[in-house]
Amino acid sequence: MRWMIFGAALIAAAPAAAQDHAGLARKAYEAHVLPGFEAFDAAAAALVTTAAEHCAPEDLELRAAYQAAFDAWMGVQHLRFGPTEVEDRAYALAFWPDTKGRTPAGLNAILKKRDAAVATPEGMAAQSIAVRGFFALDYLLYDPAAVAAGADSPYGCALIQAIAGDIARIAHEFETAWAGPYGETFLSAGASGNTVFLAPRETTVALFTALMTGLEANKDQRLGRPMGTFEAPTPMRAEARRSDRPRRNLVLSLQALTELAKIMAAAAAPLPGGEQAPETIDLTTGRAVRLAERLTPLFEEVQTPSGRLRLEQDQQAIARVSSSMMQYVGPALGVAQGFNALDGDGG
């Protein structure tokens, strides 16, 4: 199966001279993609090691390892092509938004049934994506309802260890693929026999789409969902709120996207229309990150008019990053966005 952007209306802009798509792919791979997946693999492995000795939901070492692994995932979660899309791996790691409460309901059912076959990394891999990954641990480690359901029991310990093992398996599969076969495929776009990236430009399309979709997710989901409406804000819908991660996830995601955006802006700079790209992207991404850092950890301020304005300002700043990419980077690199990789969220 070709990568997800195949046939997705991502079209060429006006041709630009001397576009070095292969050089951009290598730079992004060496400076952003592979280091990110290596860091995630290491953090997920550390989570397994910690959970083996510290499996009580309120254990501070377990919680710290969970937070570190989630942090590392935020550094690569926008790269929604290739290995992350195989077998819904990305959604198995992060089933959100969960609009129907499937994660707590599913985990409570597992805790009630106490099937030993489920409480292993292999058994967990066969379960619904709603009861796997970081949002499963967000519930089991931080929600009093999970403790009441048995998360602090011996079976709960085994379940937490199984979820950690499932996360680590997926993280290692990502790193192995990017360090090996898929990385080679990505870096050899257009070569004879490469049936995934038929031309060098397709890797630029993949990176550009991942970046633009990631920006959209931050604006419309990480900020938009807890904002609700002016009359009815919904801060309880914020991402990973149980583990105090709404602002943390937003900031970390924006920082990762900033890194990728600057790599692409630097590639656009020597090309017609891209001369202003580095300075513009530096300014717009910097503002988006700074505004995110000034928000409260759980976005509680959305419940007041002045607080809501702060979230709206960051939405606007993120939108300016997107428009700057479309104006200065995409055309210079010969691509224009027409695809959204966030089809089919956890609703």
Protein backbone atom coordinates (compact mmCIF):
# COMPACT_ATOMS: atom_id res chain seq x y z
CA MET A 1 0.00 0.00 0.00
CA ARG A 2 1.41 3.36 -0.92
CA TRP A 3 1.83 5.98 1.76
CA MET A 4 -1.34 7.81 2.80
CA ILE A 5 -0.80 10.87 0.69
CA PHE A 6 -1.16 8.91 -2.54
CA GLY A 7 -4.07 10.24 -4.52
CA ALA A 8 -4.81 12.90 -1.91
CA ALA A 9 -4.87 16.04 -4.06
CA LEU A 10 -1.50 17.35 -2.95
CA ILE A 11 -0.56 19.15 -6.11
CA ALA A 12 2.50 20.79 -7.51
CA ALA A 13 2.82 24.52 -7.34
CA ALA A 14 4.67 26.53 -9.95
CA PRO A 15 8.02 24.86 -10.63
CA ALA A 16 10.91 26.36 -8.72
CA ALA A 17 14.50 26.17 -9.81
CA ALA A 18 17.01 23.84 -8.15
CA GLN A 19 14.67 22.19 -5.70
CA ASP A 20 16.74 19.64 -3.80
CA HIS A 21 14.08 17.28 -2.53
CA ALA A 22 16.58 14.53 -1.78
CA GLY A 23 18.70 16.92 0.26
CA LEU A 24 15.68 18.10 2.24
CA ALA A 25 14.62 14.51 2.89
CA ARG A 26 18.07 13.64 4.24
CA LYS A 27 18.27 16.76 6.39
CA ALA A 28 14.82 16.14 7.90
CA TYR A 29 15.63 12.46 8.39
CA GLU A 30 18.96 13.05 10.13
CA ALA A 31 18.02 16.11 12.19
CA HIS A 32 14.37 15.48 13.03
CA VAL A 33 12.80 12.17 12.09
CA LEU A 34 15.31 9.52 13.13
CA PRO A 35 16.49 11.28 16.34
CA GLY A 36 12.86 11.68 17.35
CA PHE A 37 12.01 8.03 16.91
CA GLU A 38 15.22 6.97 18.63
CA ALA A 39 14.33 9.13 21.63
CA PHE A 40 10.82 7.69 21.71
CA ASP A 41 12.15 4.13 21.55
CA ALA A 42 14.51 4.80 24.46
CA ALA A 43 11.86 6.50 26.60
CA ALA A 44 9.33 3.73 25.96
CA ALA A 45 11.91 1.08 26.89
CA ALA A 46 12.60 2.99 30.11
CA LEU A 47 8.86 2.99 30.85
CA VAL A 48 8.81 -0.83 30.63
CA THR A 49 11.82 -1.12 32.91
CA THR A 50 10.26 1.19 35.48
CA ALA A 51 6.85 -0.49 35.34
CA ALA A 52 8.48 -3.85 36.04
CA GLU A 53 9.44 -2.62 39.51
CA HIS A 54 6.95 0.20 40.08
CA CYS A 55 3.44 -0.67 38.97
CA ALA A 56 1.26 1.02 41.57
CA PRO A 57 -0.83 3.76 39.92
CA GLU A 58 0.34 6.46 42.31
CA ASP A 59 4.02 5.47 42.19
CA LEU A 60 6.02 8.60 41.39
CA GLU A 61 8.72 6.77 39.44
CA LEU A 62 6.13 5.09 37.24
CA ARG A 63 4.37 8.38 36.64
CA ALA A 64 7.66 10.10 35.76
CA ALA A 65 8.50 7.37 33.25
CA TYR A 66 5.03 7.67 31.72
CA GLN A 67 5.42 11.43 31.40
CA ALA A 68 8.85 11.08 29.79
CA ALA A 69 7.62 8.52 27.26
CA PHE A 70 4.58 10.68 26.42
CA ASP A 71 6.93 13.66 25.99
CA ALA A 72 9.00 11.69 23.51
CA TRP A 73 5.90 10.62 21.57
CA MET A 74 4.92 14.26 21.20
CA GLY A 75 8.19 14.82 19.37
CA VAL A 76 7.17 12.48 16.53
CA GLN A 77 3.40 12.07 16.69
CA HIS A 78 2.91 14.47 13.78
CA LEU A 79 4.82 12.17 11.41
CA ARG A 80 1.67 10.35 10.30
CA PHE A 81 2.99 8.48 7.31
CA GLY A 82 4.84 5.25 6.81
CA PRO A 83 5.34 3.09 9.92
CA THR A 84 2.98 5.10 12.15
CA GLU A 85 0.04 4.30 9.88
CA VAL A 86 0.58 0.54 9.74
CA GLU A 87 -2.06 -1.33 11.79
CA ASP A 88 -3.33 1.96 13.27
CA ARG A 89 -0.22 2.16 15.45
CA ALA A 90 -0.47 5.90 16.01
CA TYR A 91 -4.04 5.57 17.24
CA ALA A 92 -3.08 2.60 19.40
CA LEU A 93 -0.62 4.91 21.12
CA ALA A 94 -2.93 7.90 21.37
CA PHE A 95 -6.67 7.25 21.12
CA TRP A 96 -7.91 10.81 21.44
CA PRO A 97 -10.33 12.47 21.26
CA ASP A 98 -12.38 9.79 22.97
CA THR A 99 -15.80 11.35 22.54
CA LYS A 100 -17.73 8.33 23.82
CA GLY A 101 -15.63 7.45 26.86
CA ARG A 102 -14.45 4.18 25.36
CA THR A 103 -11.10 4.19 27.16
CA PRO A 104 -12.39 4.21 30.77
CA ALA A 105 -15.33 1.95 29.91
CA GLY A 106 -13.11 -0.58 28.17
CA LEU A 107 -10.47 -0.60 30.88
CA ASN A 108 -13.06 -0.93 33.64
CA ALA A 109 -14.48 -3.94 31.81
CA ILE A 110 -11.02 -5.51 31.56
CA LEU A 111 -10.34 -4.87 35.25
CA LYS A 112 -13.66 -6.47 36.14
CA LYS A 113 -13.14 -9.57 34.00
CA ARG A 114 -9.45 -10.00 34.94
CA ASP A 115 -8.54 -12.14 31.95
CA ALA A 116 -4.87 -13.05 32.39
CA ALA A 117 -4.40 -13.40 28.64
CA VAL A 118 -5.17 -9.71 28.17
CA ALA A 119 -2.65 -8.53 30.77
CA THR A 120 0.41 -9.24 28.62
CA PRO A 121 2.01 -7.10 25.91
CA GLU A 122 0.92 -9.67 23.32
CA GLY A 123 -2.60 -9.82 24.67
CA MET A 124 -2.85 -6.07 24.84
CA ALA A 125 -1.79 -5.77 21.20
CA ALA A 126 -4.93 -7.69 20.24
CA GLN A 127 -7.27 -5.35 22.13
CA SER A 128 -9.18 -2.33 20.89
CA ILE A 129 -7.06 0.76 20.38
CA ALA A 130 -9.28 2.48 22.94
CA VAL A 131 -7.72 0.51 25.83
CA ARG A 132 -4.10 0.79 24.69
CA GLY A 133 -1.41 3.42 24.74
CA PHE A 134 -0.87 6.61 26.64
CA PHE A 135 -4.50 7.46 27.26
CA ALA A 136 -5.03 4.07 28.89
CA LEU A 137 -2.21 4.92 31.31
CA ASP A 138 -3.58 8.44 31.71
CA TYR A 139 -6.72 6.81 33.11
CA LEU A 140 -5.14 3.96 35.09
CA LEU A 141 -2.44 6.05 36.75
CA TYR A 142 -4.36 9.23 37.48
CA ASP A 143 -8.11 8.67 37.71
CA PRO A 144 -9.53 7.70 41.13
CA ALA A 145 -12.23 5.75 39.30
CA ALA A 146 -9.55 3.43 37.94
CA VAL A 147 -8.25 2.68 41.42
CA ALA A 148 -11.81 1.99 42.53
CA ALA A 149 -12.11 -0.43 39.61
CA GLY A 150 -8.96 -2.29 40.64
CA ALA A 151 -6.02 -0.55 38.98
CA ASP A 152 -4.02 -0.91 42.20
CA SER A 153 -4.64 -4.68 42.41
CA PRO A 154 -2.14 -7.36 41.29
CA TYR A 155 -4.12 -7.69 38.07
CA GLY A 156 -4.05 -3.91 37.64
CA CYS A 157 -0.27 -4.04 38.01
CA ALA A 158 -0.02 -6.66 35.26
CA LEU A 159 -2.33 -4.61 33.05
CA ILE A 160 -0.23 -1.47 33.47
CA GLN A 161 2.91 -3.46 32.65
CA ALA A 162 1.19 -4.93 29.58
CA ILE A 163 0.19 -1.50 28.27
CA ALA A 164 3.72 -0.21 28.83
CA GLY A 165 5.10 -3.24 26.97
CA ASP A 166 2.72 -2.65 24.07
CA ILE A 167 3.81 1.00 23.85
CA ALA A 168 7.47 -0.03 23.87
CA ARG A 169 6.93 -2.66 21.18
CA ILE A 170 5.33 -0.10 18.88
CA ALA A 171 8.03 2.48 19.60
CA HIS A 172 10.73 -0.04 18.77
CA GLU A 173 8.97 -1.02 15.54
CA PHE A 174 8.95 2.64 14.55
CA GLU A 175 12.64 3.09 15.29
CA THR A 176 13.58 -0.16 13.56
CA ALA A 177 11.63 0.76 10.43
CA TRP A 178 13.00 4.30 10.21
CA ALA A 179 16.57 3.24 10.98
CA GLY A 180 16.30 0.45 8.42
CA PRO A 181 14.00 -0.42 5.52
CA TYR A 182 11.58 2.49 5.62
CA GLY A 183 14.34 5.00 6.19
CA GLU A 184 16.12 3.65 3.14
CA THR A 185 12.92 3.91 1.15
CA PHE A 186 12.40 7.51 2.29
CA LEU A 187 15.95 8.47 1.32
CA SER A 188 15.84 6.75 -2.08
CA ALA A 189 12.69 8.38 -3.43
CA GLY A 190 12.48 8.09 -7.19
CA ALA A 191 14.98 5.28 -7.40
CA SER A 192 14.26 2.21 -9.49
CA GLY A 193 12.17 -0.23 -7.48
CA ASN A 194 10.93 2.34 -4.95
CA THR A 195 7.17 1.84 -5.10
CA VAL A 196 6.39 4.05 -2.09
CA PHE A 197 7.96 7.36 -3.12
CA LEU A 198 7.88 7.41 -6.89
CA ALA A 199 9.71 10.74 -7.19
CA PRO A 200 11.99 12.75 -4.86
CA ARG A 201 9.34 15.45 -4.54
CA GLU A 202 7.00 12.99 -2.78
CA THR A 203 9.09 13.03 0.39
CA THR A 204 8.73 16.81 0.52
CA VAL A 205 4.98 16.38 0.09
CA ALA A 206 4.94 13.89 2.99
CA LEU A 207 6.85 16.23 5.31
CA PHE A 208 4.83 19.28 4.32
CA THR A 209 1.53 17.49 4.86
CA ALA A 210 2.66 16.11 8.23
CA LEU A 211 3.63 19.61 9.32
CA MET A 212 0.44 21.29 8.16
CA THR A 213 -1.77 18.57 9.63
CA GLY A 214 0.09 18.81 12.94
CA LEU A 215 -0.49 22.55 13.10
CA GLU A 216 -4.17 22.03 12.36
CA ALA A 217 -4.45 19.43 15.14
CA ASN A 218 -3.01 21.85 17.67
CA LYS A 219 -5.30 24.66 16.63
CA ASP A 220 -8.55 22.76 16.19
CA GLN A 221 -8.20 19.89 18.65
CA ARG A 222 -5.70 20.62 21.42
CA LEU A 223 -7.01 24.18 21.75
CA GLY A 224 -10.38 23.98 20.05
CA ARG A 225 -11.89 21.05 21.95
CA PRO A 226 -11.49 22.51 25.47
CA MET A 227 -12.64 25.90 24.19
CA GLY A 228 -16.06 24.59 23.23
CA THR A 229 -18.24 27.62 22.61
CA PHE A 230 -18.18 31.04 24.24
CA GLU A 231 -21.37 30.21 26.12
CA ALA A 232 -20.28 26.68 27.04
CA PRO A 233 -16.51 26.16 27.35
CA THR A 234 -15.44 22.54 27.84
CA PRO A 235 -12.05 22.39 29.63
CA MET A 236 -12.77 18.79 30.68
CA ARG A 237 -12.32 17.83 27.01
CA ALA A 238 -8.66 18.87 27.06
CA GLU A 239 -6.14 16.24 26.00
CA ALA A 240 -4.71 14.01 28.75
CA ARG A 241 -6.10 16.30 31.45
CA ARG A 242 -5.94 13.60 34.15
CA SER A 243 -2.15 13.61 33.95
CA ASP A 244 -1.87 17.41 33.65
CA ARG A 245 -0.73 17.32 30.04
CA PRO A 246 -2.97 19.71 28.01
CA ARG A 247 -0.49 22.59 27.91
CA ARG A 248 2.50 20.27 27.98
CA ASN A 249 1.34 18.37 24.90
CA LEU A 250 0.55 21.58 23.05
CA VAL A 251 3.95 23.12 23.75
CA LEU A 252 5.90 19.97 22.96
CA SER A 253 4.01 19.44 19.72
CA LEU A 254 4.56 23.04 18.63
CA GLN A 255 8.26 22.77 19.45
CA ALA A 256 8.59 19.62 17.34
CA LEU A 257 6.68 21.20 14.47
CA THR A 258 8.86 24.30 14.76
CA GLU A 259 11.95 22.16 14.27
CA LEU A 260 10.53 20.62 11.11
CA ALA A 261 9.20 23.95 9.83
CA LYS A 262 12.64 25.57 10.17
CA ILE A 263 14.29 22.71 8.28
CA MET A 264 11.81 23.16 5.45
CA ALA A 265 12.09 26.96 5.52
CA ALA A 266 15.87 26.70 5.20
CA ALA A 267 15.43 24.48 2.14
CA ALA A 268 13.02 27.02 0.62
CA ALA A 269 15.23 30.07 1.26
CA PRO A 270 17.48 29.78 -1.83
CA LEU A 271 14.50 29.28 -4.14
CA PRO A 272 12.29 31.86 -5.86
CA GLY A 273 9.56 32.95 -3.44
CA GLY A 274 11.22 31.39 -0.41
CA GLU A 275 13.67 34.17 0.43
CA GLN A 276 11.64 35.34 3.44
CA ALA A 277 10.84 31.85 4.68
CA PRO A 278 13.42 31.41 7.49
CA GLU A 279 12.77 34.78 9.12
CA THR A 280 9.01 34.53 8.79
CA ILE A 281 8.81 30.97 10.11
CA ASP A 282 11.15 31.83 12.98
CA LEU A 283 8.91 34.72 14.03
CA THR A 284 5.57 32.97 13.63
CA THR A 285 6.56 29.69 15.30
CA GLY A 286 8.24 31.57 18.13
CA ARG A 287 5.05 33.49 18.89
CA ALA A 288 2.89 30.36 18.78
CA VAL A 289 5.16 28.56 21.26
CA ARG A 290 5.42 31.54 23.61
CA LEU A 291 1.67 32.02 23.76
CA ALA A 292 1.19 28.31 24.44
CA GLU A 293 3.73 28.40 27.27
CA ARG A 294 1.76 31.21 28.96
CA LEU A 295 -1.45 29.18 29.19
CA THR A 296 -2.40 27.40 32.40
CA PRO A 297 -1.62 23.65 32.55
CA LEU A 298 -5.24 22.52 32.15
CA PHE A 299 -6.57 25.51 30.17
CA GLU A 300 -8.85 26.49 33.07
CA GLU A 301 -8.78 30.10 31.90
CA VAL A 302 -11.09 29.21 29.01
CA GLN A 303 -14.00 29.62 31.44
CA THR A 304 -13.57 33.40 31.54
CA PRO A 305 -13.78 35.82 28.59
CA SER A 306 -10.26 37.15 29.12
CA GLY A 307 -8.87 33.63 29.53
CA ARG A 308 -10.63 32.38 26.44
CA LEU A 309 -9.02 35.22 24.51
CA ARG A 310 -5.59 33.82 25.39
CA LEU A 311 -6.42 30.49 23.77
CA GLU A 312 -7.88 32.26 20.75
CA GLN A 313 -4.68 34.27 20.38
CA ASP A 314 -2.63 31.11 20.26
CA GLN A 315 -5.02 29.63 17.70
CA GLN A 316 -4.46 32.72 15.58
CA ALA A 317 -0.70 32.45 16.00
CA ILE A 318 -0.75 28.83 14.87
CA ALA A 319 -2.89 29.80 11.89
CA ARG A 320 -0.24 32.37 10.95
CA VAL A 321 2.40 29.65 10.96
CA SER A 322 0.23 27.65 8.57
CA SER A 323 -0.38 30.61 6.27
CA SER A 324 3.34 31.45 6.26
CA MET A 325 4.17 27.88 5.28
CA MET A 326 1.62 28.07 2.47
CA GLN A 327 2.89 31.44 1.28
CA TYR A 328 6.67 31.13 1.54
CA VAL A 329 7.61 27.47 1.90
CA GLY A 330 5.14 25.29 -0.01
CA PRO A 331 5.26 27.16 -3.31
CA ALA A 332 9.04 27.50 -3.24
CA LEU A 333 9.41 23.77 -2.66
CA GLY A 334 6.84 22.97 -5.33
CA VAL A 335 4.08 21.60 -3.13
CA ALA A 336 0.72 22.84 -1.90
CA GLN A 337 -1.41 21.23 0.74
CA GLY A 338 -4.59 19.40 -0.15
CA PHE A 339 -4.69 16.53 2.27
CA ASN A 340 -5.61 16.05 5.93
CA ALA A 341 -4.16 12.99 7.67
CA LEU A 342 -6.46 13.35 10.67
CA ASP A 343 -9.43 11.66 9.00
CA GLY A 344 -11.11 9.29 11.45
CA ASP A 345 -10.29 10.48 14.96
CA GLY A 346 -11.32 8.72 18.11
CA GLY A 347 -14.94 9.82 17.84
